[in-house]
Amino acid sequence: RPGAFAEKVIVPAVACQPVPAGMAPAIASLAE
């Protein structure tokens, strides 16, 4: 299904986990 090399993307809500306050977006993207 379409991914995130885009400005926006749709995903199942259950696949989301909160990002801790203060964590940079680029660091959060390293979870995978």
PDB file of all heavy atoms in Angstrom:
ATOM      1  N   ARG A   1       0.867  -1.177   0.000  1.00  0.00           N
ATOM      2  CA  ARG A   1       0.000   0.000   0.000  1.00  0.00           C
ATOM      3  C   ARG A   1       0.901   1.223   0.000  1.00  0.00           C
ATOM      4  O   ARG A   1       2.081   1.130   0.366  1.00  0.00           O
ATOM      5  CB  ARG A   1      -0.945   0.004   1.211  1.00  0.00           C
ATOM      6  CG  ARG A   1      -0.249  -0.097   2.545  1.00  0.00           C
ATOM      7  CD  ARG A   1      -1.239  -0.289   3.677  1.00  0.00           C
ATOM      8  NE  ARG A   1      -2.024   0.927   3.903  1.00  0.00           N
ATOM      9  CZ  ARG A   1      -3.151   0.946   4.626  1.00  0.00           C
ATOM     10  NH1 ARG A   1      -3.634  -0.161   5.146  1.00  0.00           N
ATOM     11  NH2 ARG A   1      -3.815   2.078   4.812  1.00  0.00           N
ATOM     12  N   PRO A   2       0.409   2.389  -0.422  1.00  0.00           N
ATOM     13  CA  PRO A   2       1.275   3.563  -0.536  1.00  0.00           C
ATOM     14  C   PRO A   2       1.990   3.896   0.769  1.00  0.00           C
ATOM     15  O   PRO A   2       1.418   3.788   1.863  1.00  0.00           O
ATOM     16  CB  PRO A   2       0.294   4.675  -0.936  1.00  0.00           C
ATOM     17  CG  PRO A   2      -0.820   3.953  -1.628  1.00  0.00           C
ATOM     18  CD  PRO A   2      -0.962   2.653  -0.895  1.00  0.00           C
ATOM     19  N   GLY A   3       3.251   4.303   0.633  1.00  0.00           N
ATOM     20  CA  GLY A   3       4.077   4.596   1.782  1.00  0.00           C
ATOM     21  C   GLY A   3       4.284   6.077   2.020  1.00  0.00           C
ATOM     22  O   GLY A   3       3.517   6.925   1.563  1.00  0.00           O
ATOM     23  N   ALA A   4       5.375   6.379   2.731  1.00  0.00           N
ATOM     24  CA  ALA A   4       5.561   7.702   3.323  1.00  0.00           C
ATOM     25  C   ALA A   4       6.560   8.596   2.592  1.00  0.00           C
ATOM     26  O   ALA A   4       6.923   9.648   3.121  1.00  0.00           O
ATOM     27  CB  ALA A   4       5.984   7.551   4.781  1.00  0.00           C
ATOM     28  N   PHE A   5       7.012   8.216   1.386  1.00  0.00           N
ATOM     29  CA  PHE A   5       7.799   9.166   0.591  1.00  0.00           C
ATOM     30  C   PHE A   5       6.830  10.169  -0.043  1.00  0.00           C
ATOM     31  O   PHE A   5       6.701  10.278  -1.254  1.00  0.00           O
ATOM     32  CB  PHE A   5       8.601   8.439  -0.484  1.00  0.00           C
ATOM     33  CG  PHE A   5       9.770   7.657   0.046  1.00  0.00           C
ATOM     34  CD1 PHE A   5      10.134   6.455  -0.539  1.00  0.00           C
ATOM     35  CD2 PHE A   5      10.523   8.119   1.115  1.00  0.00           C
ATOM     36  CE1 PHE A   5      11.216   5.727  -0.053  1.00  0.00           C
ATOM     37  CE2 PHE A   5      11.597   7.400   1.612  1.00  0.00           C
ATOM     38  CZ  PHE A   5      11.946   6.198   1.031  1.00  0.00           C
ATOM     39  N   ALA A   6       6.134  10.874   0.819  1.00  0.00           N
ATOM     40  CA  ALA A   6       5.083  11.790   0.393  1.00  0.00           C
ATOM     41  C   ALA A   6       4.807  12.750   1.537  1.00  0.00           C
ATOM     42  O   ALA A   6       5.267  12.560   2.674  1.00  0.00           O
ATOM     43  CB  ALA A   6       3.813  11.017   0.025  1.00  0.00           C
ATOM     44  N   GLU A   7       4.048  13.776   1.239  1.00  0.00           N
ATOM     45  CA  GLU A   7       3.689  14.717   2.294  1.00  0.00           C
ATOM     46  C   GLU A   7       2.699  14.106   3.277  1.00  0.00           C
ATOM     47  O   GLU A   7       2.686  14.459   4.460  1.00  0.00           O
ATOM     48  CB  GLU A   7       3.107  15.989   1.673  1.00  0.00           C
ATOM     49  CG  GLU A   7       4.145  16.804   0.914  1.00  0.00           C
ATOM     50  CD  GLU A   7       3.561  18.031   0.254  1.00  0.00           C
ATOM     51  OE1 GLU A   7       2.456  17.939  -0.324  1.00  0.00           O
ATOM     52  OE2 GLU A   7       4.213  19.090   0.315  1.00  0.00           O
ATOM     53  N   LYS A   8       1.861  13.165   2.792  1.00  0.00           N
ATOM     54  CA  LYS A   8       0.858  12.556   3.654  1.00  0.00           C
ATOM     55  C   LYS A   8       0.728  11.074   3.336  1.00  0.00           C
ATOM     56  O   LYS A   8       1.036  10.624   2.231  1.00  0.00           O
ATOM     57  CB  LYS A   8      -0.491  13.266   3.496  1.00  0.00           C
ATOM     58  CG  LYS A   8      -0.433  14.752   3.838  1.00  0.00           C
ATOM     59  CD  LYS A   8      -1.778  15.435   3.721  1.00  0.00           C
ATOM     60  CE  LYS A   8      -1.635  16.925   4.034  1.00  0.00           C
ATOM     61  NZ  LYS A   8      -2.928  17.641   4.025  1.00  0.00           N
ATOM     62  N   VAL A   9       0.276  10.308   4.322  1.00  0.00           N
ATOM     63  CA  VAL A   9       0.099   8.872   4.148  1.00  0.00           C
ATOM     64  C   VAL A   9      -1.035   8.403   5.055  1.00  0.00           C
ATOM     65  O   VAL A   9      -1.253   8.960   6.140  1.00  0.00           O
ATOM     66  CB  VAL A   9       1.413   8.112   4.468  1.00  0.00           C
ATOM     67  CG1 VAL A   9       1.820   8.290   5.927  1.00  0.00           C
ATOM     68  CG2 VAL A   9       1.295   6.635   4.121  1.00  0.00           C
ATOM     69  N   ILE A  10      -1.745   7.374   4.607  1.00  0.00           N
ATOM     70  CA  ILE A  10      -2.821   6.771   5.402  1.00  0.00           C
ATOM     71  C   ILE A  10      -2.345   5.428   5.944  1.00  0.00           C
ATOM     72  O   ILE A  10      -1.784   4.611   5.205  1.00  0.00           O
ATOM     73  CB  ILE A  10      -4.092   6.591   4.556  1.00  0.00           C
ATOM     74  CG1 ILE A  10      -4.725   7.955   4.283  1.00  0.00           C
ATOM     75  CG2 ILE A  10      -5.099   5.684   5.250  1.00  0.00           C
ATOM     76  CD1 ILE A  10      -5.943   7.895   3.396  1.00  0.00           C
ATOM     77  N   VAL A  11      -2.585   5.202   7.251  1.00  0.00           N
ATOM     78  CA  VAL A  11      -2.199   3.944   7.900  1.00  0.00           C
ATOM     79  C   VAL A  11      -3.286   3.521   8.878  1.00  0.00           C
ATOM     80  O   VAL A  11      -4.081   4.359   9.329  1.00  0.00           O
ATOM     81  CB  VAL A  11      -0.852   4.090   8.659  1.00  0.00           C
ATOM     82  CG1 VAL A  11       0.275   4.440   7.707  1.00  0.00           C
ATOM     83  CG2 VAL A  11      -0.961   5.125   9.769  1.00  0.00           C
ATOM     84  N   PRO A  12      -3.338   2.228   9.237  1.00  0.00           N
ATOM     85  CA  PRO A  12      -4.269   1.802  10.283  1.00  0.00           C
ATOM     86  C   PRO A  12      -3.919   2.470  11.610  1.00  0.00           C
ATOM     87  O   PRO A  12      -2.741   2.592  11.972  1.00  0.00           O
ATOM     88  CB  PRO A  12      -4.050   0.287  10.356  1.00  0.00           C
ATOM     89  CG  PRO A  12      -3.463  -0.084   9.030  1.00  0.00           C
ATOM     90  CD  PRO A  12      -2.623   1.087   8.629  1.00  0.00           C
ATOM     91  N   ALA A  13      -4.924   2.891  12.347  1.00  0.00           N
ATOM     92  CA  ALA A  13      -4.684   3.567  13.628  1.00  0.00           C
ATOM     93  C   ALA A  13      -3.931   2.668  14.606  1.00  0.00           C
ATOM     94  O   ALA A  13      -3.110   3.155  15.395  1.00  0.00           O
ATOM     95  CB  ALA A  13      -6.016   4.015  14.228  1.00  0.00           C
ATOM     96  N   VAL A  14      -4.186   1.350  14.550  1.00  0.00           N
ATOM     97  CA  VAL A  14      -3.542   0.437  15.501  1.00  0.00           C
ATOM     98  C   VAL A  14      -2.044   0.317  15.260  1.00  0.00           C
ATOM     99  O   VAL A  14      -1.310  -0.174  16.128  1.00  0.00           O
ATOM    100  CB  VAL A  14      -4.179  -0.968  15.442  1.00  0.00           C
ATOM    101  CG1 VAL A  14      -5.622  -0.923  15.886  1.00  0.00           C
ATOM    102  CG2 VAL A  14      -4.057  -1.571  14.048  1.00  0.00           C
ATOM    103  N   ALA A  15      -1.556   0.769  14.099  1.00  0.00           N
ATOM    104  CA  ALA A  15      -0.125   0.687  13.803  1.00  0.00           C
ATOM    105  C   ALA A  15       0.659   1.851  14.394  1.00  0.00           C
ATOM    106  O   ALA A  15       1.894   1.864  14.307  1.00  0.00           O
ATOM    107  CB  ALA A  15       0.091   0.650  12.287  1.00  0.00           C
ATOM    108  N   CYS A  16      -0.030   2.811  15.006  1.00  0.00           N
ATOM    109  CA  CYS A  16       0.624   4.029  15.498  1.00  0.00           C
ATOM    110  C   CYS A  16       0.991   3.912  16.974  1.00  0.00           C
ATOM    111  O   CYS A  16       0.230   3.388  17.783  1.00  0.00           O
ATOM    112  CB  CYS A  16      -0.304   5.228  15.312  1.00  0.00           C
ATOM    113  SG  CYS A  16      -0.744   5.583  13.598  1.00  0.00           S
ATOM    114  N   GLN A  17       2.165   4.445  17.311  1.00  0.00           N
ATOM    115  CA  GLN A  17       2.598   4.561  18.696  1.00  0.00           C
ATOM    116  C   GLN A  17       3.007   6.003  18.949  1.00  0.00           C
ATOM    117  O   GLN A  17       3.615   6.640  18.087  1.00  0.00           O
ATOM    118  CB  GLN A  17       3.764   3.624  18.982  1.00  0.00           C
ATOM    119  CG  GLN A  17       3.409   2.151  18.906  1.00  0.00           C
ATOM    120  CD  GLN A  17       4.486   1.265  19.501  1.00  0.00           C
ATOM    121  OE1 GLN A  17       5.218   1.661  20.387  1.00  0.00           O
ATOM    122  NE2 GLN A  17       4.581   0.041  18.991  1.00  0.00           N
ATOM    123  N   PRO A  18       2.705   6.546  20.125  1.00  0.00           N
ATOM    124  CA  PRO A  18       3.038   7.936  20.403  1.00  0.00           C
ATOM    125  C   PRO A  18       4.546   8.176  20.435  1.00  0.00           C
ATOM    126  O   PRO A  18       5.314   7.318  20.868  1.00  0.00           O
ATOM    127  CB  PRO A  18       2.403   8.193  21.771  1.00  0.00           C
ATOM    128  CG  PRO A  18       2.243   6.840  22.389  1.00  0.00           C
ATOM    129  CD  PRO A  18       2.004   5.901  21.257  1.00  0.00           C
ATOM    130  N   VAL A  19       4.946   9.343  19.977  1.00  0.00           N
ATOM    131  CA  VAL A  19       6.349   9.752  20.025  1.00  0.00           C
ATOM    132  C   VAL A  19       6.559  10.526  21.321  1.00  0.00           C
ATOM    133  O   VAL A  19       5.807  11.457  21.616  1.00  0.00           O
ATOM    134  CB  VAL A  19       6.707  10.633  18.812  1.00  0.00           C
ATOM    135  CG1 VAL A  19       8.098  11.234  18.972  1.00  0.00           C
ATOM    136  CG2 VAL A  19       6.634   9.823  17.531  1.00  0.00           C
ATOM    137  N   PRO A  20       7.575  10.175  22.116  1.00  0.00           N
ATOM    138  CA  PRO A  20       7.822  10.908  23.363  1.00  0.00           C
ATOM    139  C   PRO A  20       8.071  12.393  23.108  1.00  0.00           C
ATOM    140  O   PRO A  20       8.663  12.767  22.089  1.00  0.00           O
ATOM    141  CB  PRO A  20       9.078  10.230  23.918  1.00  0.00           C
ATOM    142  CG  PRO A  20       9.089   8.871  23.300  1.00  0.00           C
ATOM    143  CD  PRO A  20       8.503   9.049  21.935  1.00  0.00           C
ATOM    144  N   ALA A  21       7.626  13.212  24.011  1.00  0.00           N
ATOM    145  CA  ALA A  21       7.831  14.653  23.891  1.00  0.00           C
ATOM    146  C   ALA A  21       9.326  14.947  23.816  1.00  0.00           C
ATOM    147  O   ALA A  21      10.132  14.382  24.556  1.00  0.00           O
ATOM    148  CB  ALA A  21       7.212  15.369  25.099  1.00  0.00           C
ATOM    149  N   GLY A  22       9.688  15.805  22.873  1.00  0.00           N
ATOM    150  CA  GLY A  22      11.079  16.196  22.742  1.00  0.00           C
ATOM    151  C   GLY A  22      11.896  15.354  21.787  1.00  0.00           C
ATOM    152  O   GLY A  22      13.023  15.723  21.447  1.00  0.00           O
ATOM    153  N   MET A  23      11.351  14.206  21.344  1.00  0.00           N
ATOM    154  CA  MET A  23      12.095  13.373  20.401  1.00  0.00           C
ATOM    155  C   MET A  23      11.969  13.949  19.003  1.00  0.00           C
ATOM    156  O   MET A  23      10.875  14.228  18.519  1.00  0.00           O
ATOM    157  CB  MET A  23      11.590  11.923  20.413  1.00  0.00           C
ATOM    158  CG  MET A  23      12.360  11.010  19.442  1.00  0.00           C
ATOM    159  SD  MET A  23      11.753   9.302  19.431  1.00  0.00           S
ATOM    160  CE  MET A  23      12.341   8.720  21.028  1.00  0.00           C
ATOM    161  N   ALA A  24      13.100  14.118  18.324  1.00  0.00           N
ATOM    162  CA  ALA A  24      13.099  14.661  16.972  1.00  0.00           C
ATOM    163  C   ALA A  24      12.408  13.693  16.021  1.00  0.00           C
ATOM    164  O   ALA A  24      12.526  12.471  16.171  1.00  0.00           O
ATOM    165  CB  ALA A  24      14.522  14.923  16.514  1.00  0.00           C
ATOM    166  N   PRO A  25      11.680  14.199  15.028  1.00  0.00           N
ATOM    167  CA  PRO A  25      10.992  13.317  14.078  1.00  0.00           C
ATOM    168  C   PRO A  25      11.935  12.328  13.394  1.00  0.00           C
ATOM    169  O   PRO A  25      11.563  11.167  13.172  1.00  0.00           O
ATOM    170  CB  PRO A  25      10.387  14.302  13.072  1.00  0.00           C
ATOM    171  CG  PRO A  25      10.198  15.554  13.831  1.00  0.00           C
ATOM    172  CD  PRO A  25      11.351  15.622  14.778  1.00  0.00           C
ATOM    173  N   ALA A  26      13.142  12.762  13.027  1.00  0.00           N
ATOM    174  CA  ALA A  26      14.077  11.867  12.346  1.00  0.00           C
ATOM    175  C   ALA A  26      14.493  10.709  13.244  1.00  0.00           C
ATOM    176  O   ALA A  26      14.648   9.574  12.775  1.00  0.00           O
ATOM    177  CB  ALA A  26      15.307  12.649  11.885  1.00  0.00           C
ATOM    178  N   ILE A  27      14.689  10.973  14.531  1.00  0.00           N
ATOM    179  CA  ILE A  27      15.037   9.895  15.464  1.00  0.00           C
ATOM    180  C   ILE A  27      13.866   8.940  15.613  1.00  0.00           C
ATOM    181  O   ILE A  27      14.037   7.711  15.624  1.00  0.00           O
ATOM    182  CB  ILE A  27      15.454  10.477  16.826  1.00  0.00           C
ATOM    183  CG1 ILE A  27      16.710  11.341  16.680  1.00  0.00           C
ATOM    184  CG2 ILE A  27      15.699   9.354  17.832  1.00  0.00           C
ATOM    185  CD1 ILE A  27      17.921  10.612  16.128  1.00  0.00           C
ATOM    186  N   ALA A  28      12.652   9.468  15.707  1.00  0.00           N
ATOM    187  CA  ALA A  28      11.466   8.607  15.814  1.00  0.00           C
ATOM    188  C   ALA A  28      11.335   7.701  14.600  1.00  0.00           C
ATOM    189  O   ALA A  28      10.922   6.537  14.719  1.00  0.00           O
ATOM    190  CB  ALA A  28      10.213   9.466  15.977  1.00  0.00           C
ATOM    191  N   SER A  29      11.717   8.196  13.416  1.00  0.00           N
ATOM    192  CA  SER A  29      11.587   7.397  12.191  1.00  0.00           C
ATOM    193  C   SER A  29      12.518   6.192  12.182  1.00  0.00           C
ATOM    194  O   SER A  29      12.367   5.295  11.352  1.00  0.00           O
ATOM    195  CB  SER A  29      11.852   8.264  10.959  1.00  0.00           C
ATOM    196  OG  SER A  29      13.230   8.563  10.818  1.00  0.00           O
ATOM    197  N   LEU A  30      13.483   6.156  13.107  1.00  0.00           N
ATOM    198  CA  LEU A  30      14.436   5.044  13.161  1.00  0.00           C
ATOM    199  C   LEU A  30      13.872   3.817  13.887  1.00  0.00           C
ATOM    200  O   LEU A  30      14.546   2.784  13.951  1.00  0.00           O
ATOM    201  CB  LEU A  30      15.723   5.484  13.864  1.00  0.00           C
ATOM    202  CG  LEU A  30      16.524   6.601  13.196  1.00  0.00           C
ATOM    203  CD1 LEU A  30      17.658   7.052  14.103  1.00  0.00           C
ATOM    204  CD2 LEU A  30      17.069   6.132  11.850  1.00  0.00           C
ATOM    205  N   ALA A  31      12.656   3.917  14.421  1.00  0.00           N
ATOM    206  CA  ALA A  31      12.104   2.792  15.189  1.00  0.00           C
ATOM    207  C   ALA A  31      12.068   1.511  14.363  1.00  0.00           C
ATOM    208  O   ALA A  31      12.350   0.419  14.880  1.00  0.00           O
ATOM    209  CB  ALA A  31      10.710   3.141  15.698  1.00  0.00           C
ATOM    210  N   GLU A  32      11.729   1.619  13.075  1.00  0.00           N
ATOM    211  CA  GLU A  32      11.624   0.410  12.247  1.00  0.00           C
ATOM    212  C   GLU A  32      12.973  -0.281  12.061  1.00  0.00           C
ATOM    213  O   GLU A  32      13.097  -1.489  12.326  1.00  0.00           O
ATOM    214  CB  GLU A  32      10.977   0.761  10.906  1.00  0.00           C
ATOM    215  CG  GLU A  32      10.376  -0.426  10.173  1.00  0.00           C
ATOM    216  CD  GLU A  32      11.363  -1.212   9.324  1.00  0.00           C
ATOM    217  OE1 GLU A  32      12.483  -0.705   9.121  1.00  0.00           O
ATOM    218  OE2 GLU A  32      11.017  -2.314   8.867  1.00  0.00           O
TER     219      GLU A  32
END
